[in-house]
C-alpha atoms as a PDB file:
ATOM      1  CA  MET A   1       0.174  -0.034   0.133  1.00  0.00           C
ATOM      2  CA  GLU A   2       1.319   3.436  -1.015  1.00  0.00           C
ATOM      3  CA  SER A   3       2.395   5.873   2.087  1.00  0.00           C
ATOM      4  CA  CYS A   4       0.066   8.418   3.017  1.00  0.00           C
ATOM      5  CA  GLU A   5       1.674  11.785   4.168  1.00  0.00           C
ATOM      6  CA  GLY A   6      -0.060  12.811   7.368  1.00  0.00           C
ATOM      7  CA  ARG A   7      -2.296  10.577   8.786  1.00  0.00           C
ATOM      8  CA  GLY A   8      -5.419  11.977   7.211  1.00  0.00           C
ATOM      9  CA  THR A   9      -6.714  10.869   3.617  1.00  0.00           C
ATOM     10  CA  ILE A  10      -8.245  14.420   3.373  1.00  0.00           C
ATOM     11  CA  LEU A  11      -5.803  17.682   3.402  1.00  0.00           C
ATOM     12  CA  ALA A  12      -6.913  20.776   3.094  1.00  0.00           C
ATOM     13  CA  ALA A  13      -7.121  21.637  -0.670  1.00  0.00           C
ATOM     14  CA  GLU A  14      -3.993  23.957  -2.089  1.00  0.00           C
ATOM     15  CA  ASN A  15      -5.013  27.262  -3.606  1.00  0.00           C
ATOM     16  CA  PHE A  16      -8.045  27.106  -1.938  1.00  0.00           C
ATOM     17  CA  ASN A  17     -10.582  29.344  -3.705  1.00  0.00           C
ATOM     18  CA  PRO A  18     -14.331  29.067  -1.958  1.00  0.00           C
ATOM     19  CA  ASP A  19     -15.901  31.145  -4.353  1.00  0.00           C
ATOM     20  CA  ARG A  20     -14.880  28.885  -7.536  1.00  0.00           C
ATOM     21  CA  ALA A  21     -15.825  25.835  -5.394  1.00  0.00           C
ATOM     22  CA  ALA A  22     -19.177  26.978  -4.696  1.00  0.00           C
ATOM     23  CA  ALA A  23     -19.922  28.013  -8.256  1.00  0.00           C
ATOM     24  CA  LYS A  24     -18.683  24.563  -9.284  1.00  0.00           C
ATOM     25  CA  LEU A  25     -21.549  22.982  -6.882  1.00  0.00           C
ATOM     26  CA  ARG A  26     -24.119  25.715  -8.078  1.00  0.00           C
ATOM     27  CA  LYS A  27     -23.183  24.457 -12.088  1.00  0.00           C
ATOM     28  CA  ALA A  28     -23.661  20.870 -10.869  1.00  0.00           C
ATOM     29  CA  MET A  29     -26.981  21.059  -9.653  1.00  0.00           C
ATOM     30  CA  LYS A  30     -28.481  23.476 -12.127  1.00  0.00           C
ATOM     31  CA  GLY A  31     -31.176  22.143 -14.644  1.00  0.00           C
ATOM     32  CA  ILE A  32     -32.311  18.663 -14.884  1.00  0.00           C
ATOM     33  CA  GLY A  33     -30.125  15.968 -12.953  1.00  0.00           C
ATOM     34  CA  SER A  34     -26.623  16.950 -11.234  1.00  0.00           C
ATOM     35  CA  ASP A  35     -23.194  16.480 -11.996  1.00  0.00           C
ATOM     36  CA  ASP A  36     -22.534  13.758  -9.060  1.00  0.00           C
ATOM     37  CA  ARG A  37     -18.851  13.615 -10.482  1.00  0.00           C
ATOM     38  CA  ALA A  38     -18.175  17.395  -9.884  1.00  0.00           C
ATOM     39  CA  ILE A  39     -20.188  17.249  -6.742  1.00  0.00           C
ATOM     40  CA  ILE A  40     -17.619  14.605  -5.190  1.00  0.00           C
ATOM     41  CA  ASP A  41     -14.917  16.785  -6.912  1.00  0.00           C
ATOM     42  CA  VAL A  42     -15.436  20.137  -4.784  1.00  0.00           C
ATOM     43  CA  ILE A  43     -16.662  17.885  -1.169  1.00  0.00           C
ATOM     44  CA  VAL A  44     -14.061  14.972  -0.803  1.00  0.00           C
ATOM     45  CA  THR A  45     -11.235  17.177  -1.810  1.00  0.00           C
ATOM     46  CA  HIS A  46     -11.463  19.888   0.751  1.00  0.00           C
ATOM     47  CA  SER A  47     -11.070  19.745   4.452  1.00  0.00           C
ATOM     48  CA  ASN A  48     -13.943  19.993   6.806  1.00  0.00           C
ATOM     49  CA  SER A  49     -13.092  23.623   7.742  1.00  0.00           C
ATOM     50  CA  GLN A  50     -12.902  24.636   3.929  1.00  0.00           C
ATOM     51  CA  ARG A  51     -16.252  22.880   3.344  1.00  0.00           C
ATOM     52  CA  GLN A  52     -17.560  25.045   5.826  1.00  0.00           C
ATOM     53  CA  GLU A  53     -16.434  27.607   4.097  1.00  0.00           C
ATOM     54  CA  ILE A  54     -17.795  26.625   0.844  1.00  0.00           C
ATOM     55  CA  LYS A  55     -21.185  26.385   2.479  1.00  0.00           C
ATOM     56  CA  ARG A  56     -21.119  29.989   3.738  1.00  0.00           C
ATOM     57  CA  LYS A  57     -19.962  31.086   0.431  1.00  0.00           C
ATOM     58  CA  TYR A  58     -22.901  29.094  -1.547  1.00  0.00           C
ATOM     59  CA  ARG A  59     -25.168  31.025   0.717  1.00  0.00           C
ATOM     60  CA  ALA A  60     -23.618  34.332   0.020  1.00  0.00           C
ATOM     61  CA  LEU A  61     -23.600  34.110  -3.697  1.00  0.00           C
ATOM     62  CA  TYR A  62     -26.776  32.179  -4.764  1.00  0.00           C
ATOM     63  CA  GLY A  63     -28.754  32.718  -1.184  1.00  0.00           C
ATOM     64  CA  ARG A  64     -29.748  29.307  -0.914  1.00  0.00           C
ATOM     65  CA  ASP A  65     -28.516  26.454   1.359  1.00  0.00           C
ATOM     66  CA  LEU A  66     -26.285  23.927  -0.191  1.00  0.00           C
ATOM     67  CA  VAL A  67     -27.294  21.308   2.216  1.00  0.00           C
ATOM     68  CA  GLU A  68     -30.880  21.497   1.215  1.00  0.00           C
ATOM     69  CA  ASP A  69     -30.116  21.901  -2.849  1.00  0.00           C
ATOM     70  CA  LEU A  70     -28.232  18.432  -2.160  1.00  0.00           C
ATOM     71  CA  GLN A  71     -30.637  17.050  -0.264  1.00  0.00           C
ATOM     72  CA  ASN A  72     -33.306  17.948  -3.331  1.00  0.00           C
ATOM     73  CA  GLU A  73     -30.893  16.810  -6.303  1.00  0.00           C
ATOM     74  CA  LEU A  74     -29.236  13.429  -4.339  1.00  0.00           C
ATOM     75  CA  GLY A  75     -30.581  10.316  -2.866  1.00  0.00           C
ATOM     76  CA  GLY A  76     -29.942   7.127  -1.075  1.00  0.00           C
ATOM     77  CA  HIS A  77     -26.110   6.431   0.557  1.00  0.00           C
ATOM     78  CA  PHE A  78     -24.810   8.936  -1.582  1.00  0.00           C
ATOM     79  CA  GLU A  79     -26.647  11.584  -0.129  1.00  0.00           C
ATOM     80  CA  GLU A  80     -26.169  10.768   3.322  1.00  0.00           C
ATOM     81  CA  LEU A  81     -22.157  10.542   2.605  1.00  0.00           C
ATOM     82  CA  CYS A  82     -22.150  14.471   1.148  1.00  0.00           C
ATOM     83  CA  ILE A  83     -24.732  15.440   3.914  1.00  0.00           C
ATOM     84  CA  ALA A  84     -22.505  14.126   6.454  1.00  0.00           C
ATOM     85  CA  LEU A  85     -19.133  15.670   5.211  1.00  0.00           C
ATOM     86  CA  LEU A  86     -20.779  19.110   5.301  1.00  0.00           C
ATOM     87  CA  GLU A  87     -21.527  18.642   9.040  1.00  0.00           C
ATOM     88  CA  PRO A  88     -18.830  19.938  11.349  1.00  0.00           C
ATOM     89  CA  GLN A  89     -17.107  17.281  13.119  1.00  0.00           C
ATOM     90  CA  VAL A  90     -18.624  17.784  16.368  1.00  0.00           C
ATOM     91  CA  ALA A  91     -22.121  17.992  14.942  1.00  0.00           C
ATOM     92  CA  PHE A  92     -21.783  15.032  12.974  1.00  0.00           C
ATOM     93  CA  LEU A  93     -21.046  12.835  15.683  1.00  0.00           C
ATOM     94  CA  ALA A  94     -24.128  13.978  17.903  1.00  0.00           C
ATOM     95  CA  GLN A  95     -26.301  13.496  15.211  1.00  0.00           C
ATOM     96  CA  CYS A  96     -24.997  10.290  15.044  1.00  0.00           C
ATOM     97  CA  LEU A  97     -25.238   9.836  18.627  1.00  0.00           C
ATOM     98  CA  HIS A  98     -29.242  11.238  18.290  1.00  0.00           C
ATOM     99  CA  GLU A  99     -29.760   8.654  15.252  1.00  0.00           C
ATOM    100  CA  ALA A 100     -28.640   6.292  17.583  1.00  0.00           C
ATOM    101  CA  MET A 101     -31.351   6.799  20.391  1.00  0.00           C
ATOM    102  CA  LYS A 102     -34.476   7.578  17.793  1.00  0.00           C
ATOM    103  CA  GLY A 103     -37.334   5.422  17.208  1.00  0.00           C
ATOM    104  CA  LEU A 104     -37.768   1.632  18.690  1.00  0.00           C
ATOM    105  CA  GLY A 105     -34.380   0.417  19.635  1.00  0.00           C
ATOM    106  CA  THR A 106     -31.141   1.859  20.231  1.00  0.00           C
ATOM    107  CA  ASP A 107     -27.914   1.343  18.357  1.00  0.00           C
ATOM    108  CA  GLU A 108     -25.286   0.567  20.684  1.00  0.00           C
ATOM    109  CA  LYS A 109     -22.642   0.121  18.320  1.00  0.00           C
ATOM    110  CA  CYS A 110     -22.790   3.653  17.657  1.00  0.00           C
ATOM    111  CA  ILE A 111     -22.482   5.080  20.835  1.00  0.00           C
ATOM    112  CA  ILE A 112     -20.157   3.143  22.045  1.00  0.00           C
ATOM    113  CA  GLU A 113     -17.731   3.545  18.982  1.00  0.00           C
ATOM    114  CA  ILE A 114     -18.468   7.237  19.777  1.00  0.00           C
ATOM    115  CA  LEU A 115     -18.086   8.071  23.231  1.00  0.00           C
ATOM    116  CA  CYS A 116     -15.246   5.191  23.718  1.00  0.00           C
ATOM    117  CA  THR A 117     -12.850   6.694  21.322  1.00  0.00           C
ATOM    118  CA  GLN A 118     -12.932  10.273  21.469  1.00  0.00           C
ATOM    119  CA  PRO A 119     -10.702  12.399  23.348  1.00  0.00           C
ATOM    120  CA  ASN A 120     -12.200  14.490  26.206  1.00  0.00           C
ATOM    121  CA  ARG A 121     -12.145  17.428  24.600  1.00  0.00           C
ATOM    122  CA  GLU A 122     -13.992  16.456  21.834  1.00  0.00           C
ATOM    123  CA  ILE A 123     -16.896  14.746  24.318  1.00  0.00           C
ATOM    124  CA  GLU A 124     -17.045  17.584  26.023  1.00  0.00           C
ATOM    125  CA  GLU A 125     -17.520  19.720  22.230  1.00  0.00           C
ATOM    126  CA  ILE A 126     -20.111  16.568  21.492  1.00  0.00           C
ATOM    127  CA  LYS A 127     -21.853  17.194  24.811  1.00  0.00           C
ATOM    128  CA  ALA A 128     -22.457  21.129  24.422  1.00  0.00           C
ATOM    129  CA  PHE A 129     -23.536  20.992  20.744  1.00  0.00           C
ATOM    130  CA  TYR A 130     -26.336  18.256  21.402  1.00  0.00           C
ATOM    131  CA  LYS A 131     -27.640  20.147  24.350  1.00  0.00           C
ATOM    132  CA  GLN A 132     -27.615  23.016  22.282  1.00  0.00           C
ATOM    133  CA  LYS A 133     -29.103  21.403  18.793  1.00  0.00           C
ATOM    134  CA  TYR A 134     -31.516  18.783  20.931  1.00  0.00           C
ATOM    135  CA  ASN A 135     -32.634  20.582  23.972  1.00  0.00           C
ATOM    136  CA  GLN A 136     -31.231  17.812  25.837  1.00  0.00           C
ATOM    137  CA  ASP A 137     -28.521  16.787  28.058  1.00  0.00           C
ATOM    138  CA  LEU A 138     -26.930  13.559  26.402  1.00  0.00           C
ATOM    139  CA  GLU A 139     -26.494  12.156  29.695  1.00  0.00           C
ATOM    140  CA  GLU A 140     -30.105  12.456  30.192  1.00  0.00           C
ATOM    141  CA  ALA A 141     -30.872  11.146  26.847  1.00  0.00           C
ATOM    142  CA  LEU A 142     -28.254   8.263  27.119  1.00  0.00           C
ATOM    143  CA  CYS A 143     -29.917   7.120  30.569  1.00  0.00           C
ATOM    144  CA  GLU A 144     -33.175   7.033  29.055  1.00  0.00           C
ATOM    145  CA  GLU A 145     -31.895   4.475  26.496  1.00  0.00           C
ATOM    146  CA  SER A 146     -29.466   1.965  28.333  1.00  0.00           C
ATOM    147  CA  SER A 147     -29.846   0.326  31.739  1.00  0.00           C
ATOM    148  CA  GLY A 148     -27.623  -1.446  34.301  1.00  0.00           C
ATOM    149  CA  TYR A 149     -23.449  -1.147  34.713  1.00  0.00           C
ATOM    150  CA  PHE A 150     -23.688  -0.333  30.607  1.00  0.00           C
ATOM    151  CA  ARG A 151     -25.701   2.658  31.957  1.00  0.00           C
ATOM    152  CA  ARG A 152     -23.174   3.498  34.405  1.00  0.00           C
ATOM    153  CA  LEU A 153     -20.237   3.087  32.167  1.00  0.00           C
ATOM    154  CA  LEU A 154     -21.829   5.735  29.640  1.00  0.00           C
ATOM    155  CA  ARG A 155     -22.497   8.150  33.008  1.00  0.00           C
ATOM    156  CA  ALA A 156     -19.134   8.068  34.086  1.00  0.00           C
ATOM    157  CA  LEU A 157     -17.533   8.299  30.295  1.00  0.00           C
ATOM    158  CA  LEU A 158     -19.317  11.466  30.470  1.00  0.00           C
ATOM    159  CA  VAL A 159     -18.497  12.801  33.472  1.00  0.00           C
ATOM    160  CA  CYS A 160     -15.191  12.000  33.027  1.00  0.00           C
ATOM    161  CA  SER A 161     -14.587  13.975  30.121  1.00  0.00           C
ATOM    162  CA  GLU A 162     -14.302  16.957  31.595  1.00  0.00           C
ATOM    163  CA  GLU A 163     -11.113  16.145  33.071  1.00  0.00           C
ATOM    164  CA  ASP A 164      -7.844  17.085  31.691  1.00  0.00           C
ATOM    165  CA  GLU A 165      -5.915  15.123  29.180  1.00  0.00           C
ATOM    166  CA  GLY A 166      -3.097  16.410  29.686  1.00  0.00           C
ATOM    167  CA  GLY A 167      -0.192  15.786  32.995  1.00  0.00           C
ATOM    168  CA  GLN A 168       2.313  13.464  33.674  1.00  0.00           C
ATOM    169  CA  VAL A 169       1.513   9.762  33.097  1.00  0.00           C
ATOM    170  CA  ASP A 170       2.196   8.409  37.191  1.00  0.00           C
ATOM    171  CA  LEU A 171       3.531   5.116  36.550  1.00  0.00           C
ATOM    172  CA  GLU A 172       2.840   3.710  40.320  1.00  0.00           C
ATOM    173  CA  ARG A 173      -0.386   4.643  40.340  1.00  0.00           C
ATOM    174  CA  ALA A 174      -0.558   2.542  36.771  1.00  0.00           C
ATOM    175  CA  GLU A 175       0.749  -0.281  38.968  1.00  0.00           C
ATOM    176  CA  ARG A 176      -1.682   0.577  41.412  1.00  0.00           C
ATOM    177  CA  ASP A 177      -4.815   0.467  39.450  1.00  0.00           C
ATOM    178  CA  ALA A 178      -3.689  -2.434  37.645  1.00  0.00           C
ATOM    179  CA  GLN A 179      -3.610  -4.574  41.040  1.00  0.00           C
ATOM    180  CA  ARG A 180      -7.310  -3.111  41.673  1.00  0.00           C
ATOM    181  CA  LEU A 181      -8.245  -4.397  38.255  1.00  0.00           C
ATOM    182  CA  PHE A 182      -6.720  -7.616  38.931  1.00  0.00           C
ATOM    183  CA  ASP A 183      -8.287  -8.290  42.572  1.00  0.00           C
ATOM    184  CA  GLY A 184     -11.201  -6.898  41.577  1.00  0.00           C
ATOM    185  CA  GLY A 185     -11.928  -9.076  38.442  1.00  0.00           C
ATOM    186  CA  VAL A 186     -10.022 -12.824  37.832  1.00  0.00           C
ATOM    187  CA  GLY A 187      -8.471 -12.345  41.528  1.00  0.00           C
ATOM    188  CA  ARG A 188     -11.949 -12.624  43.322  1.00  0.00           C
ATOM    189  CA  LEU A 189     -15.182 -14.585  43.108  1.00  0.00           C
ATOM    190  CA  GLY A 190     -17.584 -12.261  41.103  1.00  0.00           C
ATOM    191  CA  THR A 191     -16.572  -8.860  39.720  1.00  0.00           C
ATOM    192  CA  ASP A 192     -16.246  -5.388  41.225  1.00  0.00           C
ATOM    193  CA  GLU A 193     -17.428  -3.160  38.491  1.00  0.00           C
ATOM    194  CA  GLU A 194     -16.755  -0.390  40.179  1.00  0.00           C
ATOM    195  CA  GLN A 195     -12.800  -0.737  39.848  1.00  0.00           C
ATOM    196  CA  PHE A 196     -13.232  -0.806  36.236  1.00  0.00           C
ATOM    197  CA  THR A 197     -15.259   1.820  35.993  1.00  0.00           C
ATOM    198  CA  ARG A 198     -12.897   3.911  38.096  1.00  0.00           C
ATOM    199  CA  VAL A 199     -10.209   2.927  36.176  1.00  0.00           C
ATOM    200  CA  LEU A 200     -10.922   2.601  32.727  1.00  0.00           C
ATOM    201  CA  CYS A 201     -13.338   5.643  32.507  1.00  0.00           C
ATOM    202  CA  GLY A 202     -10.491   7.860  34.561  1.00  0.00           C
ATOM    203  CA  GLY A 203     -10.251  10.048  31.336  1.00  0.00           C
ATOM    204  CA  ASN A 204      -7.223  10.246  31.145  1.00  0.00           C
ATOM    205  CA  GLY A 205      -5.812   8.418  28.155  1.00  0.00           C
ATOM    206  CA  PRO A 206      -2.056   8.125  28.577  1.00  0.00           C
ATOM    207  CA  GLN A 207      -2.606   7.060  32.270  1.00  0.00           C
ATOM    208  CA  ILE A 208      -5.042   4.485  31.239  1.00  0.00           C
ATOM    209  CA  ARG A 209      -2.627   3.285  28.491  1.00  0.00           C
ATOM    210  CA  ALA A 210       0.085   2.507  31.385  1.00  0.00           C
ATOM    211  CA  THR A 211      -2.224   0.866  33.475  1.00  0.00           C
ATOM    212  CA  VAL A 212      -3.332  -1.313  30.766  1.00  0.00           C
ATOM    213  CA  SER A 213       0.362  -2.362  30.208  1.00  0.00           C
ATOM    214  CA  ALA A 214       1.133  -2.480  33.798  1.00  0.00           C
ATOM    215  CA  TYR A 215      -1.640  -5.013  34.191  1.00  0.00           C
ATOM    216  CA  GLU A 216      -0.208  -7.656  31.445  1.00  0.00           C
ATOM    217  CA  ARG A 217       2.761  -7.699  34.233  1.00  0.00           C
ATOM    218  CA  VAL A 218       0.720  -8.285  37.045  1.00  0.00           C
ATOM    219  CA  ALA A 219      -1.562 -10.849  35.703  1.00  0.00           C
ATOM    220  CA  GLY A 220       0.046 -12.460  33.231  1.00  0.00           C
ATOM    221  CA  HIS A 221      -2.439 -11.986  30.693  1.00  0.00           C
ATOM    222  CA  SER A 222      -3.887  -8.975  28.456  1.00  0.00           C
ATOM    223  CA  LEU A 223      -6.898  -6.949  30.608  1.00  0.00           C
ATOM    224  CA  ALA A 224      -9.059  -7.708  27.242  1.00  0.00           C
ATOM    225  CA  SER A 225      -9.052 -11.490  28.169  1.00  0.00           C
ATOM    226  CA  ALA A 226     -10.427 -10.579  31.589  1.00  0.00           C
ATOM    227  CA  VAL A 227     -12.826  -8.185  30.287  1.00  0.00           C
ATOM    228  CA  ARG A 228     -14.023 -10.971  28.078  1.00  0.00           C
ATOM    229  CA  ALA A 229     -13.925 -13.249  31.043  1.00  0.00           C
ATOM    230  CA  GLU A 230     -15.728 -11.368  33.741  1.00  0.00           C
ATOM    231  CA  PHE A 231     -18.065  -9.120  31.511  1.00  0.00           C
ATOM    232  CA  SER A 232     -20.883  -9.510  28.967  1.00  0.00           C
ATOM    233  CA  GLY A 233     -23.148  -7.633  26.386  1.00  0.00           C
ATOM    234  CA  ASP A 234     -22.790  -3.852  26.031  1.00  0.00           C
ATOM    235  CA  ALA A 235     -20.834  -3.259  29.091  1.00  0.00           C
ATOM    236  CA  ARG A 236     -18.242  -5.969  27.962  1.00  0.00           C
ATOM    237  CA  ASP A 237     -17.982  -4.142  24.398  1.00  0.00           C
ATOM    238  CA  ALA A 238     -17.208  -0.859  25.859  1.00  0.00           C
ATOM    239  CA  LEU A 239     -14.893  -1.908  28.022  1.00  0.00           C
ATOM    240  CA  LEU A 240     -12.882  -3.487  25.302  1.00  0.00           C
ATOM    241  CA  ALA A 241     -13.517  -0.337  23.018  1.00  0.00           C
ATOM    242  CA  ILE A 242     -11.616   1.561  25.870  1.00  0.00           C
ATOM    243  CA  VAL A 243      -8.989  -0.947  26.295  1.00  0.00           C
ATOM    244  CA  HIS A 244      -8.378  -1.558  22.801  1.00  0.00           C
ATOM    245  CA  CYS A 245      -8.334   2.297  21.753  1.00  0.00           C
ATOM    246  CA  THR A 246      -6.152   2.979  24.560  1.00  0.00           C
ATOM    247  CA  ARG A 247      -3.399   0.264  22.900  1.00  0.00           C
ATOM    248  CA  ASP A 248      -4.031   1.010  19.251  1.00  0.00           C
ATOM    249  CA  ARG A 249      -7.033   2.980  17.948  1.00  0.00           C
ATOM    250  CA  SER A 250      -6.382   2.481  14.368  1.00  0.00           C
ATOM    251  CA  ARG A 251      -6.504  -1.304  14.666  1.00  0.00           C
ATOM    252  CA  PHE A 252      -9.924  -1.116  16.590  1.00  0.00           C
ATOM    253  CA  PHE A 253     -11.523   0.976  13.751  1.00  0.00           C
ATOM    254  CA  ALA A 254     -10.206  -1.319  10.928  1.00  0.00           C
ATOM    255  CA  THR A 255     -11.732  -4.089  13.002  1.00  0.00           C
ATOM    256  CA  LYS A 256     -14.855  -2.230  13.184  1.00  0.00           C
ATOM    257  CA  LEU A 257     -14.498  -1.544   9.292  1.00  0.00           C
ATOM    258  CA  ARG A 258     -14.034  -5.334   8.811  1.00  0.00           C
ATOM    259  CA  GLU A 259     -16.931  -6.200  10.844  1.00  0.00           C
ATOM    260  CA  SER A 260     -19.221  -3.648   8.658  1.00  0.00           C
ATOM    261  CA  LEU A 261     -18.436  -5.092   5.327  1.00  0.00           C
ATOM    262  CA  ARG A 262     -18.703  -8.899   6.175  1.00  0.00           C
ATOM    263  CA  GLY A 263     -21.357 -11.054   5.831  1.00  0.00           C
ATOM    264  CA  PRO A 264     -24.373 -10.869   3.912  1.00  0.00           C
ATOM    265  CA  GLY A 265     -25.578  -6.814   3.203  1.00  0.00           C
ATOM    266  CA  THR A 266     -22.881  -3.637   4.489  1.00  0.00           C
ATOM    267  CA  ASP A 267     -23.571  -1.971   7.785  1.00  0.00           C
ATOM    268  CA  ASP A 268     -23.376   1.634   5.465  1.00  0.00           C
ATOM    269  CA  ALA A 269     -23.928   3.369   8.603  1.00  0.00           C
ATOM    270  CA  THR A 270     -20.954   2.171  10.524  1.00  0.00           C
ATOM    271  CA  LEU A 271     -18.713   2.430   7.200  1.00  0.00           C
ATOM    272  CA  ARG A 272     -19.815   6.029   6.690  1.00  0.00           C
ATOM    273  CA  ARG A 273     -19.556   6.956  10.063  1.00  0.00           C
ATOM    274  CA  ILE A 274     -16.040   5.821  10.217  1.00  0.00           C
ATOM    275  CA  LEU A 275     -14.785   6.935   7.244  1.00  0.00           C
ATOM    276  CA  VAL A 276     -15.767  10.515   7.744  1.00  0.00           C
ATOM    277  CA  SER A 277     -15.156  10.792  11.516  1.00  0.00           C
ATOM    278  CA  ARG A 278     -11.288   9.496  10.487  1.00  0.00           C
ATOM    279  CA  SER A 279     -10.723  11.134   7.270  1.00  0.00           C
ATOM    280  CA  GLU A 280      -8.712  13.735   8.532  1.00  0.00           C
ATOM    281  CA  ILE A 281      -7.391  12.198  11.726  1.00  0.00           C
ATOM    282  CA  ASP A 282      -6.099   9.237  11.123  1.00  0.00           C
ATOM    283  CA  LEU A 283      -7.664   6.664   8.216  1.00  0.00           C
ATOM    284  CA  CYS A 284      -4.253   6.437   6.652  1.00  0.00           C
ATOM    285  CA  ASP A 285      -3.283   4.532   9.810  1.00  0.00           C
ATOM    286  CA  VAL A 286      -6.690   2.410   9.675  1.00  0.00           C
ATOM    287  CA  ARG A 287      -6.234   1.501   6.089  1.00  0.00           C
ATOM    288  CA  GLU A 288      -2.686   0.436   7.031  1.00  0.00           C
ATOM    289  CA  ALA A 289      -3.770  -1.687   9.813  1.00  0.00           C
ATOM    290  CA  TYR A 290      -6.852  -3.093   8.226  1.00  0.00           C
ATOM    291  CA  ALA A 291      -4.409  -4.680   5.452  1.00  0.00           C
ATOM    292  CA  ALA A 292      -2.263  -5.919   8.237  1.00  0.00           C
ATOM    293  CA  LEU A 293      -5.081  -7.254   9.965  1.00  0.00           C
ATOM    294  CA  PHE A 294      -6.815  -9.158   7.285  1.00  0.00           C
ATOM    295  CA  GLY A 295      -4.174  -9.142   4.537  1.00  0.00           C
ATOM    296  CA  ARG A 296      -6.733  -6.811   2.430  1.00  0.00           C
ATOM    297  CA  ASP A 297      -7.066  -3.551   0.776  1.00  0.00           C
ATOM    298  CA  ILE A 298      -9.860  -1.889   2.178  1.00  0.00           C
ATOM    299  CA  ALA A 299     -10.489   0.046  -0.580  1.00  0.00           C
ATOM    300  CA  GLU A 300     -11.158  -3.049  -2.800  1.00  0.00           C
ATOM    301  CA  ASP A 301     -13.612  -4.700  -0.079  1.00  0.00           C
ATOM    302  CA  VAL A 302     -15.425  -1.073  -0.296  1.00  0.00           C
ATOM    303  CA  ALA A 303     -15.834  -1.668  -3.829  1.00  0.00           C
ATOM    304  CA  GLN A 304     -17.221  -4.874  -3.888  1.00  0.00           C
ATOM    305  CA  ASP A 305     -19.486  -3.732  -1.568  1.00  0.00           C
ATOM    306  CA  THR A 306     -21.109  -0.152  -2.273  1.00  0.00           C
ATOM    307  CA  SER A 307     -21.683   0.830  -5.938  1.00  0.00           C
ATOM    308  CA  GLY A 308     -22.156   4.131  -7.921  1.00  0.00           C
ATOM    309  CA  ASP A 309     -21.444   7.600  -6.819  1.00  0.00           C
ATOM    310  CA  TYR A 310     -21.931   5.967  -3.480  1.00  0.00           C
ATOM    311  CA  ARG A 311     -18.824   3.869  -3.815  1.00  0.00           C
ATOM    312  CA  LYS A 312     -16.931   6.646  -6.257  1.00  0.00           C
ATOM    313  CA  ALA A 313     -16.973   9.135  -3.463  1.00  0.00           C
ATOM    314  CA  LEU A 314     -15.826   6.544  -0.920  1.00  0.00           C
ATOM    315  CA  LEU A 315     -13.072   5.313  -2.637  1.00  0.00           C
ATOM    316  CA  ARG A 316     -12.192   9.302  -3.070  1.00  0.00           C
ATOM    317  CA  ILE A 317     -12.229   9.640   0.809  1.00  0.00           C
ATOM    318  CA  LEU A 318      -9.965   6.574   0.951  1.00  0.00           C
ATOM    319  CA  GLN A 319      -7.574   7.623  -1.607  1.00  0.00           C
ATOM    320  CA  PRO A 320      -4.501   9.858  -0.031  1.00  0.00           C
END
């Protein structure tokens, strides 16, 4: 696989001209039908901050809302992808959480993927946007849709997101916390759930990473294996997401992408969410992790599972 410059696949376009980009989009949607290739050329080749400027310029030049025009012209997964790319990152993730809790049933996979993988700063911004957009506290919404230990985990993640990610890693504390996890898990009959909550939802990524490493020295097995043995259901999946992301975030997302593409049908919501949200952060790393884990090119798998302009846009996102 070719190397990527930087960690994201979408970089800020050089010689950025929002007037020209807005004009190209307007031309692509005038008349009967739409020039989907031109739409992809603009939306997928500019960074998110540039896309926000294009949206503002489009309204200033034509007195029209770009998102509404695209919704009127496009359809299906291609439309959903284009609209997702036009949202600011925080707004997109808040919307994903809202959609995960709408109607009958709850998409716990989406909730876990977002809350267990985002830095504290991002979660705080998502909470603020969610409150502003939906007039409800995110914690309140999640508590209505979850129960038991999984609910307590989610609440802890939202509270701990207020803590600072900075500061020195305390290796002695990591050793103590690792011992507490062992004593509260495989080292006793039953599970001390609150010890796992306190340590793994503690809000400081580097500190948790040190604890995960220390656990292997203390216990002689991985913390992930202990979580699998001690927990079940959504709580297990959430704790595993925290552990895996702490050790290697790219491998976590690569695994989720593989799951979205395996078996009958495609989990388009997960595929779209990961590619959009990681496109400017570490999608290059995720591609490389996918190849290393599964011996496959993610672009080839996406091409096999999708079609039309939706496929073209997804492949452009994956292209460094």
